[in-house]
Amino acid sequence: QDLGLHLDLADDGTGKEQAQTQYSVEEL
């Protein structure tokens, strides 16, 4: 939870992929 693993970083509910710049597909 501290690392935010419980959050769905690939989709923030708006259809935008917010984590693409932060994490690669493999990292996600």
PDB file of all heavy atoms in Angstrom:
ATOM      1  N   GLN A   1       0.831  -1.201   0.000  1.00  0.00           N
ATOM      2  CA  GLN A   1       0.000   0.000   0.000  1.00  0.00           C
ATOM      3  C   GLN A   1       0.867   1.252   0.000  1.00  0.00           C
ATOM      4  O   GLN A   1       0.532   2.237  -0.648  1.00  0.00           O
ATOM      5  CB  GLN A   1      -0.946  -0.015   1.197  1.00  0.00           C
ATOM      6  CG  GLN A   1      -2.004  -1.084   1.087  1.00  0.00           C
ATOM      7  CD  GLN A   1      -2.776  -1.301   2.376  1.00  0.00           C
ATOM      8  OE1 GLN A   1      -2.294  -1.029   3.468  1.00  0.00           O
ATOM      9  NE2 GLN A   1      -3.991  -1.832   2.242  1.00  0.00           N
ATOM     10  N   ASP A   2       1.993   1.191   0.709  1.00  0.00           N
ATOM     11  CA  ASP A   2       2.928   2.318   0.723  1.00  0.00           C
ATOM     12  C   ASP A   2       3.456   2.608  -0.684  1.00  0.00           C
ATOM     13  O   ASP A   2       3.634   3.759  -1.061  1.00  0.00           O
ATOM     14  CB  ASP A   2       4.084   2.015   1.675  1.00  0.00           C
ATOM     15  CG  ASP A   2       5.053   3.170   1.820  1.00  0.00           C
ATOM     16  OD1 ASP A   2       4.595   4.330   1.933  1.00  0.00           O
ATOM     17  OD2 ASP A   2       6.274   2.920   1.830  1.00  0.00           O
ATOM     18  N   LEU A   3       3.664   1.545  -1.472  1.00  0.00           N
ATOM     19  CA  LEU A   3       4.142   1.703  -2.847  1.00  0.00           C
ATOM     20  C   LEU A   3       3.012   1.992  -3.834  1.00  0.00           C
ATOM     21  O   LEU A   3       3.271   2.211  -5.014  1.00  0.00           O
ATOM     22  CB  LEU A   3       4.880   0.435  -3.298  1.00  0.00           C
ATOM     23  CG  LEU A   3       6.202   0.146  -2.607  1.00  0.00           C
ATOM     24  CD1 LEU A   3       6.735  -1.206  -3.050  1.00  0.00           C
ATOM     25  CD2 LEU A   3       7.204   1.247  -2.899  1.00  0.00           C
ATOM     26  N   GLY A   4       1.767   1.953  -3.365  1.00  0.00           N
ATOM     27  CA  GLY A   4       0.630   2.209  -4.242  1.00  0.00           C
ATOM     28  C   GLY A   4       0.246   1.024  -5.098  1.00  0.00           C
ATOM     29  O   GLY A   4      -0.421   1.179  -6.117  1.00  0.00           O
ATOM     30  N   LEU A   5       0.630  -0.181  -4.669  1.00  0.00           N
ATOM     31  CA  LEU A   5       0.283  -1.366  -5.452  1.00  0.00           C
ATOM     32  C   LEU A   5      -1.218  -1.615  -5.470  1.00  0.00           C
ATOM     33  O   LEU A   5      -1.727  -2.245  -6.397  1.00  0.00           O
ATOM     34  CB  LEU A   5       0.996  -2.607  -4.897  1.00  0.00           C
ATOM     35  CG  LEU A   5       2.514  -2.587  -4.879  1.00  0.00           C
ATOM     36  CD1 LEU A   5       3.045  -3.924  -4.381  1.00  0.00           C
ATOM     37  CD2 LEU A   5       3.086  -2.248  -6.242  1.00  0.00           C
ATOM     38  N   HIS A   6      -1.925  -1.114  -4.474  1.00  0.00           N
ATOM     39  CA  HIS A   6      -3.366  -1.317  -4.385  1.00  0.00           C
ATOM     40  C   HIS A   6      -4.122  -0.400  -5.352  1.00  0.00           C
ATOM     41  O   HIS A   6      -5.311  -0.576  -5.570  1.00  0.00           O
ATOM     42  CB  HIS A   6      -3.858  -1.090  -2.964  1.00  0.00           C
ATOM     43  CG  HIS A   6      -3.657   0.306  -2.473  1.00  0.00           C
ATOM     44  ND1 HIS A   6      -2.400   0.852  -2.284  1.00  0.00           N
ATOM     45  CD2 HIS A   6      -4.536   1.274  -2.142  1.00  0.00           C
ATOM     46  CE1 HIS A   6      -2.525   2.091  -1.854  1.00  0.00           C
ATOM     47  NE2 HIS A   6      -3.820   2.371  -1.758  1.00  0.00           N
ATOM     48  N   LEU A   7      -3.436   0.562  -5.949  1.00  0.00           N
ATOM     49  CA  LEU A   7      -4.059   1.475  -6.900  1.00  0.00           C
ATOM     50  C   LEU A   7      -3.917   0.940  -8.317  1.00  0.00           C
ATOM     51  O   LEU A   7      -2.881   0.386  -8.668  1.00  0.00           O
ATOM     52  CB  LEU A   7      -3.394   2.861  -6.809  1.00  0.00           C
ATOM     53  CG  LEU A   7      -3.378   3.499  -5.430  1.00  0.00           C
ATOM     54  CD1 LEU A   7      -2.525   4.754  -5.450  1.00  0.00           C
ATOM     55  CD2 LEU A   7      -4.789   3.789  -4.967  1.00  0.00           C
ATOM     56  N   ASP A   8      -4.932   1.135  -9.112  1.00  0.00           N
ATOM     57  CA  ASP A   8      -4.871   0.719 -10.508  1.00  0.00           C
ATOM     58  C   ASP A   8      -4.250   1.862 -11.297  1.00  0.00           C
ATOM     59  O   ASP A   8      -4.936   2.781 -11.730  1.00  0.00           O
ATOM     60  CB  ASP A   8      -6.263   0.379 -11.034  1.00  0.00           C
ATOM     61  CG  ASP A   8      -6.206  -0.310 -12.383  1.00  0.00           C
ATOM     62  OD1 ASP A   8      -5.122  -0.353 -12.989  1.00  0.00           O
ATOM     63  OD2 ASP A   8      -7.253  -0.808 -12.817  1.00  0.00           O
ATOM     64  N   LEU A   9      -2.939   1.819 -11.447  1.00  0.00           N
ATOM     65  CA  LEU A   9      -2.228   2.913 -12.096  1.00  0.00           C
ATOM     66  C   LEU A   9      -2.413   2.942 -13.606  1.00  0.00           C
ATOM     67  O   LEU A   9      -2.104   3.935 -14.242  1.00  0.00           O
ATOM     68  CB  LEU A   9      -0.733   2.830 -11.775  1.00  0.00           C
ATOM     69  CG  LEU A   9      -0.380   2.999 -10.312  1.00  0.00           C
ATOM     70  CD1 LEU A   9       1.114   2.838 -10.109  1.00  0.00           C
ATOM     71  CD2 LEU A   9      -0.847   4.336  -9.793  1.00  0.00           C
ATOM     72  N   ALA A  10      -2.909   1.862 -14.180  1.00  0.00           N
ATOM     73  CA  ALA A  10      -3.078   1.830 -15.626  1.00  0.00           C
ATOM     74  C   ALA A  10      -4.310   2.593 -16.073  1.00  0.00           C
ATOM     75  O   ALA A  10      -4.394   3.041 -17.200  1.00  0.00           O
ATOM     76  CB  ALA A  10      -3.167   0.389 -16.117  1.00  0.00           C
ATOM     77  N   ASP A  11      -5.279   2.731 -15.174  1.00  0.00           N
ATOM     78  CA  ASP A  11      -6.515   3.407 -15.556  1.00  0.00           C
ATOM     79  C   ASP A  11      -7.040   4.157 -14.342  1.00  0.00           C
ATOM     80  O   ASP A  11      -7.309   3.574 -13.309  1.00  0.00           O
ATOM     81  CB  ASP A  11      -7.552   2.380 -16.027  1.00  0.00           C
ATOM     82  CG  ASP A  11      -8.836   3.027 -16.527  1.00  0.00           C
ATOM     83  OD1 ASP A  11      -8.908   4.273 -16.558  1.00  0.00           O
ATOM     84  OD2 ASP A  11      -9.749   2.284 -16.886  1.00  0.00           O
ATOM     85  N   ASP A  12      -7.176   5.462 -14.462  1.00  0.00           N
ATOM     86  CA  ASP A  12      -7.642   6.264 -13.330  1.00  0.00           C
ATOM     87  C   ASP A  12      -9.148   6.503 -13.364  1.00  0.00           C
ATOM     88  O   ASP A  12      -9.666   7.336 -12.652  1.00  0.00           O
ATOM     89  CB  ASP A  12      -6.891   7.599 -13.259  1.00  0.00           C
ATOM     90  CG  ASP A  12      -7.118   8.469 -14.486  1.00  0.00           C
ATOM     91  OD1 ASP A  12      -7.896   8.050 -15.379  1.00  0.00           O
ATOM     92  OD2 ASP A  12      -6.542   9.559 -14.550  1.00  0.00           O
ATOM     93  N   GLY A  13      -9.858   5.762 -14.188  1.00  0.00           N
ATOM     94  CA  GLY A  13     -11.307   5.903 -14.264  1.00  0.00           C
ATOM     95  C   GLY A  13     -11.746   6.845 -15.376  1.00  0.00           C
ATOM     96  O   GLY A  13     -12.908   6.874 -15.741  1.00  0.00           O
ATOM     97  N   THR A  14     -10.833   7.612 -15.915  1.00  0.00           N
ATOM     98  CA  THR A  14     -11.175   8.541 -16.989  1.00  0.00           C
ATOM     99  C   THR A  14     -10.756   7.988 -18.342  1.00  0.00           C
ATOM    100  O   THR A  14     -10.952   8.632 -19.354  1.00  0.00           O
ATOM    101  CB  THR A  14     -10.474   9.899 -16.784  1.00  0.00           C
ATOM    102  OG1 THR A  14      -9.061   9.700 -16.833  1.00  0.00           O
ATOM    103  CG2 THR A  14     -10.870  10.515 -15.451  1.00  0.00           C
ATOM    104  N   GLY A  15     -10.152   6.799 -18.317  1.00  0.00           N
ATOM    105  CA  GLY A  15      -9.682   6.212 -19.556  1.00  0.00           C
ATOM    106  C   GLY A  15      -8.265   6.639 -19.908  1.00  0.00           C
ATOM    107  O   GLY A  15      -7.688   6.164 -20.864  1.00  0.00           O
ATOM    108  N   LYS A  16      -7.688   7.524 -19.105  1.00  0.00           N
ATOM    109  CA  LYS A  16      -6.323   7.977 -19.354  1.00  0.00           C
ATOM    110  C   LYS A  16      -5.355   7.074 -18.607  1.00  0.00           C
ATOM    111  O   LYS A  16      -5.586   6.726 -17.466  1.00  0.00           O
ATOM    112  CB  LYS A  16      -6.138   9.420 -18.871  1.00  0.00           C
ATOM    113  CG  LYS A  16      -6.985  10.406 -19.605  1.00  0.00           C
ATOM    114  CD  LYS A  16      -6.784  11.794 -19.039  1.00  0.00           C
ATOM    115  CE  LYS A  16      -7.710  12.779 -19.715  1.00  0.00           C
ATOM    116  NZ  LYS A  16      -7.643  14.100 -19.090  1.00  0.00           N
ATOM    117  N   GLU A  17      -4.286   6.740 -19.249  1.00  0.00           N
ATOM    118  CA  GLU A  17      -3.284   5.910 -18.602  1.00  0.00           C
ATOM    119  C   GLU A  17      -2.264   6.815 -17.944  1.00  0.00           C
ATOM    120  O   GLU A  17      -1.347   7.317 -18.575  1.00  0.00           O
ATOM    121  CB  GLU A  17      -2.643   4.963 -19.612  1.00  0.00           C
ATOM    122  CG  GLU A  17      -3.632   3.948 -20.152  1.00  0.00           C
ATOM    123  CD  GLU A  17      -2.976   2.900 -21.016  1.00  0.00           C
ATOM    124  OE1 GLU A  17      -1.767   2.956 -21.221  1.00  0.00           O
ATOM    125  OE2 GLU A  17      -3.704   2.023 -21.484  1.00  0.00           O
ATOM    126  N   GLN A  18      -2.420   7.014 -16.633  1.00  0.00           N
ATOM    127  CA  GLN A  18      -1.583   7.959 -15.914  1.00  0.00           C
ATOM    128  C   GLN A  18      -0.199   7.421 -15.590  1.00  0.00           C
ATOM    129  O   GLN A  18       0.706   8.187 -15.317  1.00  0.00           O
ATOM    130  CB  GLN A  18      -2.272   8.377 -14.626  1.00  0.00           C
ATOM    131  CG  GLN A  18      -2.508   7.225 -13.663  1.00  0.00           C
ATOM    132  CD  GLN A  18      -3.292   7.650 -12.457  1.00  0.00           C
ATOM    133  OE1 GLN A  18      -3.791   8.757 -12.395  1.00  0.00           O
ATOM    134  NE2 GLN A  18      -3.413   6.771 -11.487  1.00  0.00           N
ATOM    135  N   ALA A  19      -0.015   6.116 -15.600  1.00  0.00           N
ATOM    136  CA  ALA A  19       1.261   5.561 -15.163  1.00  0.00           C
ATOM    137  C   ALA A  19       2.198   5.234 -16.320  1.00  0.00           C
ATOM    138  O   ALA A  19       3.283   4.750 -16.097  1.00  0.00           O
ATOM    139  CB  ALA A  19       1.015   4.305 -14.345  1.00  0.00           C
ATOM    140  N   GLN A  20       1.774   5.468 -17.538  1.00  0.00           N
ATOM    141  CA  GLN A  20       2.611   5.101 -18.674  1.00  0.00           C
ATOM    142  C   GLN A  20       3.969   5.776 -18.615  1.00  0.00           C
ATOM    143  O   GLN A  20       4.954   5.196 -19.032  1.00  0.00           O
ATOM    144  CB  GLN A  20       1.912   5.418 -19.991  1.00  0.00           C
ATOM    145  CG  GLN A  20       0.819   4.441 -20.344  1.00  0.00           C
ATOM    146  CD  GLN A  20       1.330   3.024 -20.571  1.00  0.00           C
ATOM    147  OE1 GLN A  20       2.438   2.638 -20.210  1.00  0.00           O
ATOM    148  NE2 GLN A  20       0.504   2.217 -21.183  1.00  0.00           N
ATOM    149  N   THR A  21       4.040   7.015 -18.158  1.00  0.00           N
ATOM    150  CA  THR A  21       5.321   7.691 -18.089  1.00  0.00           C
ATOM    151  C   THR A  21       6.121   7.237 -16.872  1.00  0.00           C
ATOM    152  O   THR A  21       7.338   7.287 -16.888  1.00  0.00           O
ATOM    153  CB  THR A  21       5.129   9.217 -18.029  1.00  0.00           C
ATOM    154  OG1 THR A  21       4.312   9.532 -16.910  1.00  0.00           O
ATOM    155  CG2 THR A  21       4.472   9.711 -19.304  1.00  0.00           C
ATOM    156  N   GLN A  22       5.439   6.769 -15.842  1.00  0.00           N
ATOM    157  CA  GLN A  22       6.118   6.368 -14.617  1.00  0.00           C
ATOM    158  C   GLN A  22       6.585   4.914 -14.662  1.00  0.00           C
ATOM    159  O   GLN A  22       7.673   4.598 -14.198  1.00  0.00           O
ATOM    160  CB  GLN A  22       5.196   6.580 -13.427  1.00  0.00           C
ATOM    161  CG  GLN A  22       5.862   6.362 -12.095  1.00  0.00           C
ATOM    162  CD  GLN A  22       4.936   6.686 -10.942  1.00  0.00           C
ATOM    163  OE1 GLN A  22       3.777   7.009 -11.143  1.00  0.00           O
ATOM    164  NE2 GLN A  22       5.441   6.596  -9.730  1.00  0.00           N
ATOM    165  N   TYR A  23       5.774   4.021 -15.194  1.00  0.00           N
ATOM    166  CA  TYR A  23       6.077   2.591 -15.222  1.00  0.00           C
ATOM    167  C   TYR A  23       5.867   2.043 -16.616  1.00  0.00           C
ATOM    168  O   TYR A  23       4.915   2.411 -17.304  1.00  0.00           O
ATOM    169  CB  TYR A  23       5.174   1.816 -14.253  1.00  0.00           C
ATOM    170  CG  TYR A  23       5.301   2.243 -12.815  1.00  0.00           C
ATOM    171  CD1 TYR A  23       4.299   2.973 -12.203  1.00  0.00           C
ATOM    172  CD2 TYR A  23       6.421   1.906 -12.070  1.00  0.00           C
ATOM    173  CE1 TYR A  23       4.412   3.367 -10.878  1.00  0.00           C
ATOM    174  CE2 TYR A  23       6.535   2.301 -10.750  1.00  0.00           C
ATOM    175  CZ  TYR A  23       5.541   3.023 -10.160  1.00  0.00           C
ATOM    176  OH  TYR A  23       5.643   3.414  -8.852  1.00  0.00           O
ATOM    177  N   SER A  24       6.718   1.103 -16.992  1.00  0.00           N
ATOM    178  CA  SER A  24       6.529   0.417 -18.266  1.00  0.00           C
ATOM    179  C   SER A  24       5.407  -0.613 -18.102  1.00  0.00           C
ATOM    180  O   SER A  24       4.968  -0.902 -16.978  1.00  0.00           O
ATOM    181  CB  SER A  24       7.818  -0.285 -18.686  1.00  0.00           C
ATOM    182  OG  SER A  24       8.090  -1.369 -17.819  1.00  0.00           O
ATOM    183  N   VAL A  25       4.967  -1.177 -19.199  1.00  0.00           N
ATOM    184  CA  VAL A  25       3.917  -2.202 -19.155  1.00  0.00           C
ATOM    185  C   VAL A  25       4.389  -3.394 -18.331  1.00  0.00           C
ATOM    186  O   VAL A  25       3.629  -3.955 -17.539  1.00  0.00           O
ATOM    187  CB  VAL A  25       3.534  -2.630 -20.592  1.00  0.00           C
ATOM    188  CG1 VAL A  25       2.567  -3.795 -20.578  1.00  0.00           C
ATOM    189  CG2 VAL A  25       2.957  -1.459 -21.352  1.00  0.00           C
ATOM    190  N   GLU A  26       5.650  -3.754 -18.492  1.00  0.00           N
ATOM    191  CA  GLU A  26       6.197  -4.890 -17.743  1.00  0.00           C
ATOM    192  C   GLU A  26       6.239  -4.593 -16.248  1.00  0.00           C
ATOM    193  O   GLU A  26       5.918  -5.454 -15.429  1.00  0.00           O
ATOM    194  CB  GLU A  26       7.605  -5.239 -18.236  1.00  0.00           C
ATOM    195  CG  GLU A  26       7.654  -5.788 -19.645  1.00  0.00           C
ATOM    196  CD  GLU A  26       7.613  -4.699 -20.722  1.00  0.00           C
ATOM    197  OE1 GLU A  26       7.865  -3.513 -20.399  1.00  0.00           O
ATOM    198  OE2 GLU A  26       7.305  -5.029 -21.873  1.00  0.00           O
ATOM    199  N   GLU A  27       6.629  -3.371 -15.886  1.00  0.00           N
ATOM    200  CA  GLU A  27       6.670  -2.997 -14.475  1.00  0.00           C
ATOM    201  C   GLU A  27       5.278  -3.000 -13.861  1.00  0.00           C
ATOM    202  O   GLU A  27       5.093  -3.433 -12.713  1.00  0.00           O
ATOM    203  CB  GLU A  27       7.315  -1.625 -14.296  1.00  0.00           C
ATOM    204  CG  GLU A  27       8.810  -1.620 -14.551  1.00  0.00           C
ATOM    205  CD  GLU A  27       9.386  -0.211 -14.580  1.00  0.00           C
ATOM    206  OE1 GLU A  27       8.729   0.704 -15.114  1.00  0.00           O
ATOM    207  OE2 GLU A  27      10.498  -0.048 -14.064  1.00  0.00           O
ATOM    208  N   LEU A  28       4.285  -2.523 -14.608  1.00  0.00           N
ATOM    209  CA  LEU A  28       2.909  -2.562 -14.104  1.00  0.00           C
ATOM    210  C   LEU A  28       2.446  -3.997 -13.884  1.00  0.00           C
ATOM    211  O   LEU A  28       1.779  -4.303 -12.892  1.00  0.00           O
ATOM    212  CB  LEU A  28       1.958  -1.853 -15.073  1.00  0.00           C
ATOM    213  CG  LEU A  28       1.975  -0.332 -15.054  1.00  0.00           C
ATOM    214  CD1 LEU A  28       1.115   0.220 -16.182  1.00  0.00           C
ATOM    215  CD2 LEU A  28       1.517   0.199 -13.715  1.00  0.00           C
TER     216      LEU A  28
END
